[in-house]
Amino acid sequence: MADFTSPFWHWFVAIVSLLGILVLFPLLYRNRGNQPSGTLKTMGHVWDGDLEEYNNPLPGWWLNLFAVTLVFGLVYLILYPGLGHFPGVLGWSSKGQYEQEIQAASEQYDPLYQHYASIDIRTLSTHPEALKTGRRLFANYCAACHGSDARGARGFPNLRDSEWLYGGEPEQVYQSILHGRSGVMPAWGPVLGEEGVENVTNYILGLGNREHDGSLAAAGQPQYQQLCVACHQADGSGNQVLGAPNLKDRIWQYGGSKASIRESIANGRHGVMPAHGEFLGEERVHLLSAYVYSLSQEYEQE
């Protein structure tokens, strides 16, 4: 792999960039209008008897615009980075501009977040102005996975209902956002085999009083007790400490059809909720947690 930090690439980029601009100046000079007035040259191509192609020079205003553009390009490369490692005489960088904008935003908004951080999440979840800010944070950092309406999608939980993998109390929501979560469902296909997967699938359907084959469910019960109880409990109610979902309800993160359940058992699942604490900070996570918590409270009041 090429080492793009070596001096060679610095000079290569700088020289090619400058030459690419400078060679255009003589090209423009050669294409200026210098033929005698009244003289019209043709290319020798004729169509329909009298329709000829003329070799007229480019208009002067057009050439001047080209020249201005080239001069602008040279000035830009002197002022801003673009010639290899040369940073430009202004010392501008996208990273520096980003840091300045972040600093300006922090000076303006940090006092507001500090004020909200002094209010407990449950109380803050009823604060209209705080929720407006929390909604904007959600749109920027959470909507890509959970949807703009927070109702989730396949593999991403609905945040508007009352079912929570790791618990829906304010502190639990806060910990999920701050530190993230990593949920792993092992692939039991190699252990159970095709027949065993089918048996356990029917047993799980039976836990939720859904249509299933009773004889297959009976065969799957001891297999469930052996492999699944440690996470999902004997009655299938799940374990929020582990993030193991309730198998008795009708809420399924990866789909609740028989085929989807069979796929989950056979191939396993691996869901990751990224930790937001490092780049958002605890105060913003506190406010975002209040907004997310408020969504489930709206559901319970419906």
C-alpha atoms as a PDB file:
ATOM      1  CA  MET A   1       0.000   0.000   0.000  1.00  0.00           C
ATOM      2  CA  ALA A   2       1.319   3.448  -0.938  1.00  0.00           C
ATOM      3  CA  ASP A   3       2.514   5.734   1.851  1.00  0.00           C
ATOM      4  CA  PHE A   4       0.607   8.962   1.150  1.00  0.00           C
ATOM      5  CA  THR A   5       2.400  10.752   3.994  1.00  0.00           C
ATOM      6  CA  SER A   6       5.760  10.640   2.179  1.00  0.00           C
ATOM      7  CA  PRO A   7       7.200  13.908   0.733  1.00  0.00           C
ATOM      8  CA  PHE A   8       6.937  12.454  -2.783  1.00  0.00           C
ATOM      9  CA  TRP A   9       3.134  12.623  -2.773  1.00  0.00           C
ATOM     10  CA  HIS A  10       3.220  16.159  -1.373  1.00  0.00           C
ATOM     11  CA  TRP A  11       5.303  17.369  -4.287  1.00  0.00           C
ATOM     12  CA  PHE A  12       3.426  15.220  -6.802  1.00  0.00           C
ATOM     13  CA  VAL A  13       0.054  16.732  -5.855  1.00  0.00           C
ATOM     14  CA  ALA A  14       1.436  20.274  -5.645  1.00  0.00           C
ATOM     15  CA  ILE A  15       3.241  20.164  -8.994  1.00  0.00           C
ATOM     16  CA  VAL A  16       0.407  18.483 -10.901  1.00  0.00           C
ATOM     17  CA  SER A  17      -2.157  20.923  -9.453  1.00  0.00           C
ATOM     18  CA  LEU A  18      -0.112  24.003 -10.342  1.00  0.00           C
ATOM     19  CA  LEU A  19       0.886  22.780 -13.798  1.00  0.00           C
ATOM     20  CA  GLY A  20      -2.713  21.858 -14.544  1.00  0.00           C
ATOM     21  CA  ILE A  21      -3.666  25.491 -14.039  1.00  0.00           C
ATOM     22  CA  LEU A  22      -0.611  27.199 -15.534  1.00  0.00           C
ATOM     23  CA  VAL A  23      -0.699  25.324 -18.859  1.00  0.00           C
ATOM     24  CA  LEU A  24      -4.197  26.672 -19.432  1.00  0.00           C
ATOM     25  CA  PHE A  25      -2.955  30.265 -19.681  1.00  0.00           C
ATOM     26  CA  PRO A  26      -1.056  29.727 -22.972  1.00  0.00           C
ATOM     27  CA  LEU A  27      -3.989  27.663 -24.225  1.00  0.00           C
ATOM     28  CA  LEU A  28      -6.285  30.618 -23.651  1.00  0.00           C
ATOM     29  CA  TYR A  29      -3.777  32.943 -25.330  1.00  0.00           C
ATOM     30  CA  ARG A  30      -3.699  30.763 -28.449  1.00  0.00           C
ATOM     31  CA  ASN A  31      -7.484  30.825 -28.661  1.00  0.00           C
ATOM     32  CA  ARG A  32      -7.902  34.587 -28.417  1.00  0.00           C
ATOM     33  CA  GLY A  33      -9.477  36.354 -31.413  1.00  0.00           C
ATOM     34  CA  ASN A  34      -6.512  37.541 -33.580  1.00  0.00           C
ATOM     35  CA  GLN A  35      -7.645  37.126 -37.167  1.00  0.00           C
ATOM     36  CA  PRO A  36      -8.141  40.237 -39.349  1.00  0.00           C
ATOM     37  CA  SER A  37     -11.492  41.955 -39.161  1.00  0.00           C
ATOM     38  CA  GLY A  38     -13.924  40.675 -41.743  1.00  0.00           C
ATOM     39  CA  THR A  39     -11.982  37.457 -42.265  1.00  0.00           C
ATOM     40  CA  LEU A  40     -14.049  34.336 -41.752  1.00  0.00           C
ATOM     41  CA  LYS A  41     -12.387  30.930 -41.756  1.00  0.00           C
ATOM     42  CA  THR A  42     -14.327  27.771 -42.296  1.00  0.00           C
ATOM     43  CA  MET A  43     -13.516  24.186 -41.395  1.00  0.00           C
ATOM     44  CA  GLY A  44     -14.325  22.996 -44.903  1.00  0.00           C
ATOM     45  CA  HIS A  45     -17.451  21.133 -43.795  1.00  0.00           C
ATOM     46  CA  VAL A  46     -20.618  21.851 -45.781  1.00  0.00           C
ATOM     47  CA  TRP A  47     -24.122  20.507 -45.202  1.00  0.00           C
ATOM     48  CA  ASP A  48     -27.250  20.930 -47.330  1.00  0.00           C
ATOM     49  CA  GLY A  49     -25.287  22.760 -50.005  1.00  0.00           C
ATOM     50  CA  ASP A  50     -24.583  26.059 -48.194  1.00  0.00           C
ATOM     51  CA  LEU A  51     -24.470  25.334 -44.475  1.00  0.00           C
ATOM     52  CA  GLU A  52     -20.803  25.745 -43.411  1.00  0.00           C
ATOM     53  CA  GLU A  53     -18.940  25.273 -40.144  1.00  0.00           C
ATOM     54  CA  TYR A  54     -16.950  28.398 -39.190  1.00  0.00           C
ATOM     55  CA  ASN A  55     -13.771  28.483 -37.124  1.00  0.00           C
ATOM     56  CA  ASN A  56     -14.521  31.634 -35.125  1.00  0.00           C
ATOM     57  CA  PRO A  57     -12.498  32.458 -32.001  1.00  0.00           C
ATOM     58  CA  LEU A  58     -14.055  32.333 -28.570  1.00  0.00           C
ATOM     59  CA  PRO A  59     -15.738  35.573 -27.473  1.00  0.00           C
ATOM     60  CA  GLY A  60     -13.474  37.876 -25.482  1.00  0.00           C
ATOM     61  CA  TRP A  61     -15.766  37.936 -22.436  1.00  0.00           C
ATOM     62  CA  TRP A  62     -15.725  34.145 -22.332  1.00  0.00           C
ATOM     63  CA  LEU A  63     -11.921  34.008 -22.426  1.00  0.00           C
ATOM     64  CA  ASN A  64     -11.751  36.657 -19.712  1.00  0.00           C
ATOM     65  CA  LEU A  65     -14.018  34.562 -17.475  1.00  0.00           C
ATOM     66  CA  PHE A  66     -11.711  31.598 -17.991  1.00  0.00           C
ATOM     67  CA  ALA A  67      -8.700  33.734 -17.055  1.00  0.00           C
ATOM     68  CA  VAL A  68     -10.444  35.030 -13.930  1.00  0.00           C
ATOM     69  CA  THR A  69     -11.287  31.454 -12.941  1.00  0.00           C
ATOM     70  CA  LEU A  70      -7.660  30.366 -13.309  1.00  0.00           C
ATOM     71  CA  VAL A  71      -6.402  33.316 -11.267  1.00  0.00           C
ATOM     72  CA  PHE A  72      -9.011  32.540  -8.611  1.00  0.00           C
ATOM     73  CA  GLY A  73      -7.782  28.916  -8.517  1.00  0.00           C
ATOM     74  CA  LEU A  74      -4.175  30.011  -7.950  1.00  0.00           C
ATOM     75  CA  VAL A  75      -5.175  32.445  -5.193  1.00  0.00           C
ATOM     76  CA  TYR A  76      -7.334  29.784  -3.548  1.00  0.00           C
ATOM     77  CA  LEU A  77      -4.465  27.275  -3.485  1.00  0.00           C
ATOM     78  CA  ILE A  78      -2.239  29.890  -1.853  1.00  0.00           C
ATOM     79  CA  LEU A  79      -4.783  30.792   0.833  1.00  0.00           C
ATOM     80  CA  TYR A  80      -6.296  27.351   1.534  1.00  0.00           C
ATOM     81  CA  PRO A  81      -4.976  23.759   1.654  1.00  0.00           C
ATOM     82  CA  GLY A  82      -4.862  21.992  -1.679  1.00  0.00           C
ATOM     83  CA  LEU A  83      -1.182  21.638  -2.563  1.00  0.00           C
ATOM     84  CA  GLY A  84      -0.148  18.451  -0.810  1.00  0.00           C
ATOM     85  CA  HIS A  85       0.815  19.120   2.817  1.00  0.00           C
ATOM     86  CA  PHE A  86       0.868  22.903   2.339  1.00  0.00           C
ATOM     87  CA  PRO A  87      -1.778  24.234   4.797  1.00  0.00           C
ATOM     88  CA  GLY A  88      -2.369  27.549   3.039  1.00  0.00           C
ATOM     89  CA  VAL A  89      -1.299  30.955   4.360  1.00  0.00           C
ATOM     90  CA  LEU A  90      -4.621  31.352   6.242  1.00  0.00           C
ATOM     91  CA  GLY A  91      -4.077  28.116   8.153  1.00  0.00           C
ATOM     92  CA  TRP A  92      -7.703  27.054   7.591  1.00  0.00           C
ATOM     93  CA  SER A  93      -8.805  23.419   7.995  1.00  0.00           C
ATOM     94  CA  SER A  94     -12.168  21.690   8.108  1.00  0.00           C
ATOM     95  CA  LYS A  95     -11.233  20.237  11.496  1.00  0.00           C
ATOM     96  CA  GLY A  96     -10.371  23.688  12.834  1.00  0.00           C
ATOM     97  CA  GLN A  97     -13.625  25.156  11.549  1.00  0.00           C
ATOM     98  CA  TYR A  98     -15.586  22.265  13.078  1.00  0.00           C
ATOM     99  CA  GLU A  99     -13.901  22.779  16.442  1.00  0.00           C
ATOM    100  CA  GLN A 100     -14.659  26.506  16.320  1.00  0.00           C
ATOM    101  CA  GLU A 101     -18.315  25.821  15.558  1.00  0.00           C
ATOM    102  CA  ILE A 102     -18.511  23.252  18.355  1.00  0.00           C
ATOM    103  CA  GLN A 103     -16.895  25.720  20.748  1.00  0.00           C
ATOM    104  CA  ALA A 104     -19.348  28.466  19.765  1.00  0.00           C
ATOM    105  CA  ALA A 105     -22.300  26.077  20.137  1.00  0.00           C
ATOM    106  CA  SER A 106     -21.014  24.909  23.530  1.00  0.00           C
ATOM    107  CA  GLU A 107     -20.728  28.463  24.796  1.00  0.00           C
ATOM    108  CA  GLN A 108     -24.288  29.159  23.705  1.00  0.00           C
ATOM    109  CA  TYR A 109     -26.056  25.934  24.702  1.00  0.00           C
ATOM    110  CA  ASP A 110     -24.040  24.341  27.528  1.00  0.00           C
ATOM    111  CA  PRO A 111     -25.692  26.503  30.210  1.00  0.00           C
ATOM    112  CA  LEU A 112     -29.093  25.256  29.019  1.00  0.00           C
ATOM    113  CA  TYR A 113     -28.016  21.599  29.130  1.00  0.00           C
ATOM    114  CA  GLN A 114     -26.481  22.128  32.564  1.00  0.00           C
ATOM    115  CA  HIS A 115     -29.783  23.503  33.782  1.00  0.00           C
ATOM    116  CA  TYR A 116     -31.696  20.514  32.407  1.00  0.00           C
ATOM    117  CA  ALA A 117     -29.131  18.122  33.909  1.00  0.00           C
ATOM    118  CA  SER A 118     -30.065  19.398  37.371  1.00  0.00           C
ATOM    119  CA  ILE A 119     -33.645  18.125  36.882  1.00  0.00           C
ATOM    120  CA  ASP A 120     -34.358  14.415  37.270  1.00  0.00           C
ATOM    121  CA  ILE A 121     -35.331  12.564  34.092  1.00  0.00           C
ATOM    122  CA  ARG A 122     -38.870  11.716  35.176  1.00  0.00           C
ATOM    123  CA  THR A 123     -39.669  15.385  35.888  1.00  0.00           C
ATOM    124  CA  LEU A 124     -37.817  16.580  32.807  1.00  0.00           C
ATOM    125  CA  SER A 125     -39.910  14.258  30.628  1.00  0.00           C
ATOM    126  CA  THR A 126     -42.922  16.529  31.295  1.00  0.00           C
ATOM    127  CA  HIS A 127     -41.074  19.767  30.473  1.00  0.00           C
ATOM    128  CA  PRO A 128     -42.351  21.019  27.042  1.00  0.00           C
ATOM    129  CA  GLU A 129     -39.332  23.192  26.188  1.00  0.00           C
ATOM    130  CA  ALA A 130     -36.871  20.508  27.239  1.00  0.00           C
ATOM    131  CA  LEU A 131     -38.686  17.939  25.094  1.00  0.00           C
ATOM    132  CA  LYS A 132     -38.410  20.197  22.048  1.00  0.00           C
ATOM    133  CA  THR A 133     -34.638  20.201  22.435  1.00  0.00           C
ATOM    134  CA  GLY A 134     -34.646  16.469  23.171  1.00  0.00           C
ATOM    135  CA  ARG A 135     -36.648  15.864  20.002  1.00  0.00           C
ATOM    136  CA  ARG A 136     -33.953  17.621  17.951  1.00  0.00           C
ATOM    137  CA  LEU A 137     -31.250  15.498  19.576  1.00  0.00           C
ATOM    138  CA  PHE A 138     -33.280  12.386  18.776  1.00  0.00           C
ATOM    139  CA  ALA A 139     -33.704  13.439  15.147  1.00  0.00           C
ATOM    140  CA  ASN A 140     -29.938  13.938  14.773  1.00  0.00           C
ATOM    141  CA  TYR A 141     -28.627  10.882  16.605  1.00  0.00           C
ATOM    142  CA  CYS A 142     -31.387   8.267  16.898  1.00  0.00           C
ATOM    143  CA  ALA A 143     -33.846   8.584  14.018  1.00  0.00           C
ATOM    144  CA  ALA A 144     -31.589   6.771  11.530  1.00  0.00           C
ATOM    145  CA  CYS A 145     -32.168   3.501  13.432  1.00  0.00           C
ATOM    146  CA  HIS A 146     -35.365   3.992  15.400  1.00  0.00           C
ATOM    147  CA  GLY A 147     -37.195   6.079  12.797  1.00  0.00           C
ATOM    148  CA  SER A 148     -38.269   9.705  12.942  1.00  0.00           C
ATOM    149  CA  ASP A 149     -41.405   8.602  14.794  1.00  0.00           C
ATOM    150  CA  ALA A 150     -39.373   6.371  17.178  1.00  0.00           C
ATOM    151  CA  ARG A 151     -41.442   3.316  16.233  1.00  0.00           C
ATOM    152  CA  GLY A 152     -38.370   1.361  15.181  1.00  0.00           C
ATOM    153  CA  ALA A 153     -37.879  -1.107  12.355  1.00  0.00           C
ATOM    154  CA  ARG A 154     -36.705  -4.676  11.904  1.00  0.00           C
ATOM    155  CA  GLY A 155     -33.789  -5.100  14.296  1.00  0.00           C
ATOM    156  CA  PHE A 156     -34.391  -1.748  16.009  1.00  0.00           C
ATOM    157  CA  PRO A 157     -36.866  -1.596  18.903  1.00  0.00           C
ATOM    158  CA  ASN A 158     -39.958   0.561  19.074  1.00  0.00           C
ATOM    159  CA  LEU A 159     -39.379   3.252  21.706  1.00  0.00           C
ATOM    160  CA  ARG A 160     -43.032   4.272  21.950  1.00  0.00           C
ATOM    161  CA  ASP A 161     -44.412   1.129  23.565  1.00  0.00           C
ATOM    162  CA  SER A 162     -44.049  -0.116  27.136  1.00  0.00           C
ATOM    163  CA  GLU A 163     -41.785  -3.079  26.324  1.00  0.00           C
ATOM    164  CA  TRP A 164     -38.065  -2.602  27.027  1.00  0.00           C
ATOM    165  CA  LEU A 165     -35.250  -5.098  26.539  1.00  0.00           C
ATOM    166  CA  TYR A 166     -33.097  -3.566  29.260  1.00  0.00           C
ATOM    167  CA  GLY A 167     -35.788  -1.831  31.293  1.00  0.00           C
ATOM    168  CA  GLY A 168     -37.785   1.337  30.757  1.00  0.00           C
ATOM    169  CA  GLU A 169     -37.172   3.188  33.994  1.00  0.00           C
ATOM    170  CA  PRO A 170     -35.439   6.581  33.612  1.00  0.00           C
ATOM    171  CA  GLU A 171     -32.057   5.375  34.890  1.00  0.00           C
ATOM    172  CA  GLN A 172     -32.158   2.287  32.666  1.00  0.00           C
ATOM    173  CA  VAL A 173     -32.958   4.364  29.583  1.00  0.00           C
ATOM    174  CA  TYR A 174     -30.131   6.723  30.526  1.00  0.00           C
ATOM    175  CA  GLN A 175     -27.637   3.859  30.872  1.00  0.00           C
ATOM    176  CA  SER A 176     -28.699   2.392  27.516  1.00  0.00           C
ATOM    177  CA  ILE A 177     -28.010   5.659  25.721  1.00  0.00           C
ATOM    178  CA  LEU A 178     -24.897   6.582  27.681  1.00  0.00           C
ATOM    179  CA  HIS A 179     -23.040   3.254  27.519  1.00  0.00           C
ATOM    180  CA  GLY A 180     -24.859   1.453  24.695  1.00  0.00           C
ATOM    181  CA  ARG A 181     -26.008  -2.165  24.642  1.00  0.00           C
ATOM    182  CA  SER A 182     -24.842  -5.330  22.906  1.00  0.00           C
ATOM    183  CA  GLY A 183     -27.345  -8.156  22.702  1.00  0.00           C
ATOM    184  CA  VAL A 184     -26.274 -11.565  21.408  1.00  0.00           C
ATOM    185  CA  MET A 185     -28.619 -14.437  20.648  1.00  0.00           C
ATOM    186  CA  PRO A 186     -26.517 -17.581  19.989  1.00  0.00           C
ATOM    187  CA  ALA A 187     -27.116 -19.615  16.856  1.00  0.00           C
ATOM    188  CA  TRP A 188     -28.669 -22.886  18.006  1.00  0.00           C
ATOM    189  CA  GLY A 189     -29.045 -24.426  14.568  1.00  0.00           C
ATOM    190  CA  PRO A 190     -25.828 -26.471  14.758  1.00  0.00           C
ATOM    191  CA  VAL A 191     -26.831 -27.771  18.205  1.00  0.00           C
ATOM    192  CA  LEU A 192     -30.504 -28.474  17.595  1.00  0.00           C
ATOM    193  CA  GLY A 193     -30.477 -29.468  13.979  1.00  0.00           C
ATOM    194  CA  GLU A 194     -33.328 -28.655  11.600  1.00  0.00           C
ATOM    195  CA  GLU A 195     -35.840 -30.807  13.468  1.00  0.00           C
ATOM    196  CA  GLY A 196     -34.909 -29.379  16.868  1.00  0.00           C
ATOM    197  CA  VAL A 197     -35.204 -25.796  15.581  1.00  0.00           C
ATOM    198  CA  GLU A 198     -38.687 -26.586  14.323  1.00  0.00           C
ATOM    199  CA  ASN A 199     -39.641 -28.091  17.679  1.00  0.00           C
ATOM    200  CA  VAL A 200     -38.429 -25.122  19.720  1.00  0.00           C
ATOM    201  CA  THR A 201     -40.078 -22.710  17.290  1.00  0.00           C
ATOM    202  CA  ASN A 202     -43.431 -24.355  17.910  1.00  0.00           C
ATOM    203  CA  TYR A 203     -42.855 -24.366  21.659  1.00  0.00           C
ATOM    204  CA  ILE A 204     -42.157 -20.617  21.639  1.00  0.00           C
ATOM    205  CA  LEU A 205     -45.281 -20.000  19.561  1.00  0.00           C
ATOM    206  CA  GLY A 206     -47.196 -21.941  22.189  1.00  0.00           C
ATOM    207  CA  LEU A 207     -45.821 -19.705  24.972  1.00  0.00           C
ATOM    208  CA  GLY A 208     -47.628 -16.792  23.357  1.00  0.00           C
ATOM    209  CA  ASN A 209     -50.822 -18.807  22.752  1.00  0.00           C
ATOM    210  CA  ARG A 210     -50.297 -18.598  19.011  1.00  0.00           C
ATOM    211  CA  GLU A 211     -51.089 -21.209  16.425  1.00  0.00           C
ATOM    212  CA  HIS A 212     -48.596 -24.080  16.657  1.00  0.00           C
ATOM    213  CA  ASP A 213     -48.179 -27.833  16.392  1.00  0.00           C
ATOM    214  CA  GLY A 214     -48.735 -29.314  19.865  1.00  0.00           C
ATOM    215  CA  SER A 215     -46.725 -32.480  19.272  1.00  0.00           C
ATOM    216  CA  LEU A 216     -43.733 -30.530  17.974  1.00  0.00           C
ATOM    217  CA  ALA A 217     -44.030 -28.074  20.883  1.00  0.00           C
ATOM    218  CA  ALA A 218     -43.988 -30.951  23.351  1.00  0.00           C
ATOM    219  CA  ALA A 219     -40.819 -32.264  21.745  1.00  0.00           C
ATOM    220  CA  GLY A 220     -39.291 -28.773  21.893  1.00  0.00           C
ATOM    221  CA  GLN A 221     -40.034 -28.151  25.574  1.00  0.00           C
ATOM    222  CA  PRO A 222     -37.038 -30.076  27.001  1.00  0.00           C
ATOM    223  CA  GLN A 223     -34.777 -28.475  24.419  1.00  0.00           C
ATOM    224  CA  TYR A 224     -36.062 -25.048  25.422  1.00  0.00           C
ATOM    225  CA  GLN A 225     -35.500 -25.886  29.080  1.00  0.00           C
ATOM    226  CA  GLN A 226     -31.960 -26.942  28.339  1.00  0.00           C
ATOM    227  CA  LEU A 227     -30.837 -24.099  26.064  1.00  0.00           C
ATOM    228  CA  CYS A 228     -33.137 -21.093  26.501  1.00  0.00           C
ATOM    229  CA  VAL A 229     -34.218 -20.887  30.140  1.00  0.00           C
ATOM    230  CA  ALA A 230     -31.006 -19.210  31.347  1.00  0.00           C
ATOM    231  CA  CYS A 231     -31.868 -16.070  29.368  1.00  0.00           C
ATOM    232  CA  HIS A 232     -35.594 -16.148  28.638  1.00  0.00           C
ATOM    233  CA  GLN A 233     -36.813 -17.720  31.915  1.00  0.00           C
ATOM    234  CA  ALA A 234     -38.864 -20.908  32.217  1.00  0.00           C
ATOM    235  CA  ASP A 235     -42.096 -19.119  31.340  1.00  0.00           C
ATOM    236  CA  GLY A 236     -40.534 -17.150  28.447  1.00  0.00           C
ATOM    237  CA  SER A 237     -40.958 -13.772  30.151  1.00  0.00           C
ATOM    238  CA  GLY A 238     -37.360 -12.744  29.423  1.00  0.00           C
ATOM    239  CA  ASN A 239     -34.671 -11.067  31.519  1.00  0.00           C
ATOM    240  CA  GLN A 240     -34.030  -7.326  31.320  1.00  0.00           C
ATOM    241  CA  VAL A 241     -30.662  -7.676  33.053  1.00  0.00           C
ATOM    242  CA  LEU A 242     -29.428  -9.625  30.030  1.00  0.00           C
ATOM    243  CA  GLY A 243     -31.574  -7.887  27.450  1.00  0.00           C
ATOM    244  CA  ALA A 244     -33.346 -11.180  26.711  1.00  0.00           C
ATOM    245  CA  PRO A 245     -36.785 -10.395  25.247  1.00  0.00           C
ATOM    246  CA  ASN A 246     -40.159 -11.587  26.473  1.00  0.00           C
ATOM    247  CA  LEU A 247     -41.252 -14.464  24.217  1.00  0.00           C
ATOM    248  CA  LYS A 248     -44.866 -14.479  25.384  1.00  0.00           C
ATOM    249  CA  ASP A 249     -45.987 -11.125  23.974  1.00  0.00           C
ATOM    250  CA  ARG A 250     -46.573 -10.128  20.360  1.00  0.00           C
ATOM    251  CA  ILE A 251     -43.640  -7.704  20.168  1.00  0.00           C
ATOM    252  CA  TRP A 252     -40.725  -9.040  18.129  1.00  0.00           C
ATOM    253  CA  GLN A 253     -37.653  -7.031  17.222  1.00  0.00           C
ATOM    254  CA  TYR A 254     -36.789  -9.203  14.209  1.00  0.00           C
ATOM    255  CA  GLY A 255     -40.301 -10.202  13.261  1.00  0.00           C
ATOM    256  CA  GLY A 256     -42.768 -12.523  14.945  1.00  0.00           C
ATOM    257  CA  SER A 257     -43.690 -14.774  12.051  1.00  0.00           C
ATOM    258  CA  LYS A 258     -42.938 -18.462  12.344  1.00  0.00           C
ATOM    259  CA  ALA A 259     -40.209 -18.133   9.707  1.00  0.00           C
ATOM    260  CA  SER A 260     -38.576 -15.201  11.536  1.00  0.00           C
ATOM    261  CA  ILE A 261     -38.603 -17.023  14.874  1.00  0.00           C
ATOM    262  CA  ARG A 262     -37.134 -20.106  13.234  1.00  0.00           C
ATOM    263  CA  GLU A 263     -34.397 -17.959  11.665  1.00  0.00           C
ATOM    264  CA  SER A 264     -33.570 -16.327  15.016  1.00  0.00           C
ATOM    265  CA  ILE A 265     -33.203 -19.705  16.716  1.00  0.00           C
ATOM    266  CA  ALA A 266     -31.199 -21.297  13.921  1.00  0.00           C
ATOM    267  CA  ASN A 267     -28.857 -18.417  13.041  1.00  0.00           C
ATOM    268  CA  GLY A 268     -28.896 -16.235  16.148  1.00  0.00           C
ATOM    269  CA  ARG A 269     -29.010 -12.441  16.355  1.00  0.00           C
ATOM    270  CA  HIS A 270     -26.527  -9.744  17.274  1.00  0.00           C
ATOM    271  CA  GLY A 271     -27.920  -6.306  18.042  1.00  0.00           C
ATOM    272  CA  VAL A 272     -25.742  -3.331  18.974  1.00  0.00           C
ATOM    273  CA  MET A 273     -26.848  -0.032  20.454  1.00  0.00           C
ATOM    274  CA  PRO A 274     -23.868   2.380  20.177  1.00  0.00           C
ATOM    275  CA  ALA A 275     -22.714   4.259  23.252  1.00  0.00           C
ATOM    276  CA  HIS A 276     -23.536   7.965  22.909  1.00  0.00           C
ATOM    277  CA  GLY A 277     -21.890   9.235  26.074  1.00  0.00           C
ATOM    278  CA  GLU A 278     -18.462   9.957  24.626  1.00  0.00           C
ATOM    279  CA  PHE A 279     -19.542  12.300  21.836  1.00  0.00           C
ATOM    280  CA  LEU A 280     -22.778  13.670  23.301  1.00  0.00           C
ATOM    281  CA  GLY A 281     -21.725  14.062  26.918  1.00  0.00           C
ATOM    282  CA  GLU A 282     -23.696  13.166  30.021  1.00  0.00           C
ATOM    283  CA  GLU A 283     -25.799  16.352  30.044  1.00  0.00           C
ATOM    284  CA  ARG A 284     -27.125  15.856  26.511  1.00  0.00           C
ATOM    285  CA  VAL A 285     -27.677  12.142  27.172  1.00  0.00           C
ATOM    286  CA  HIS A 286     -29.659  13.150  30.259  1.00  0.00           C
ATOM    287  CA  LEU A 287     -31.971  15.317  28.157  1.00  0.00           C
ATOM    288  CA  LEU A 288     -32.224  12.747  25.367  1.00  0.00           C
ATOM    289  CA  SER A 289     -33.148  10.097  27.939  1.00  0.00           C
ATOM    290  CA  ALA A 290     -35.957  12.309  29.194  1.00  0.00           C
ATOM    291  CA  TYR A 291     -37.327  12.626  25.658  1.00  0.00           C
ATOM    292  CA  VAL A 292     -37.157   8.871  24.989  1.00  0.00           C
ATOM    293  CA  TYR A 293     -38.728   8.132  28.380  1.00  0.00           C
ATOM    294  CA  SER A 294     -41.546  10.563  27.589  1.00  0.00           C
ATOM    295  CA  LEU A 295     -42.442   8.574  24.463  1.00  0.00           C
ATOM    296  CA  SER A 296     -43.287   5.456  26.478  1.00  0.00           C
ATOM    297  CA  GLN A 297     -45.276   7.527  28.942  1.00  0.00           C
ATOM    298  CA  GLU A 298     -47.401   8.861  26.093  1.00  0.00           C
ATOM    299  CA  TYR A 299     -48.096   5.228  25.091  1.00  0.00           C
ATOM    300  CA  GLU A 300     -49.206   4.275  28.604  1.00  0.00           C
ATOM    301  CA  GLN A 301     -51.598   7.254  28.733  1.00  0.00           C
ATOM    302  CA  GLU A 302     -53.263   6.320  25.435  1.00  0.00           C
END
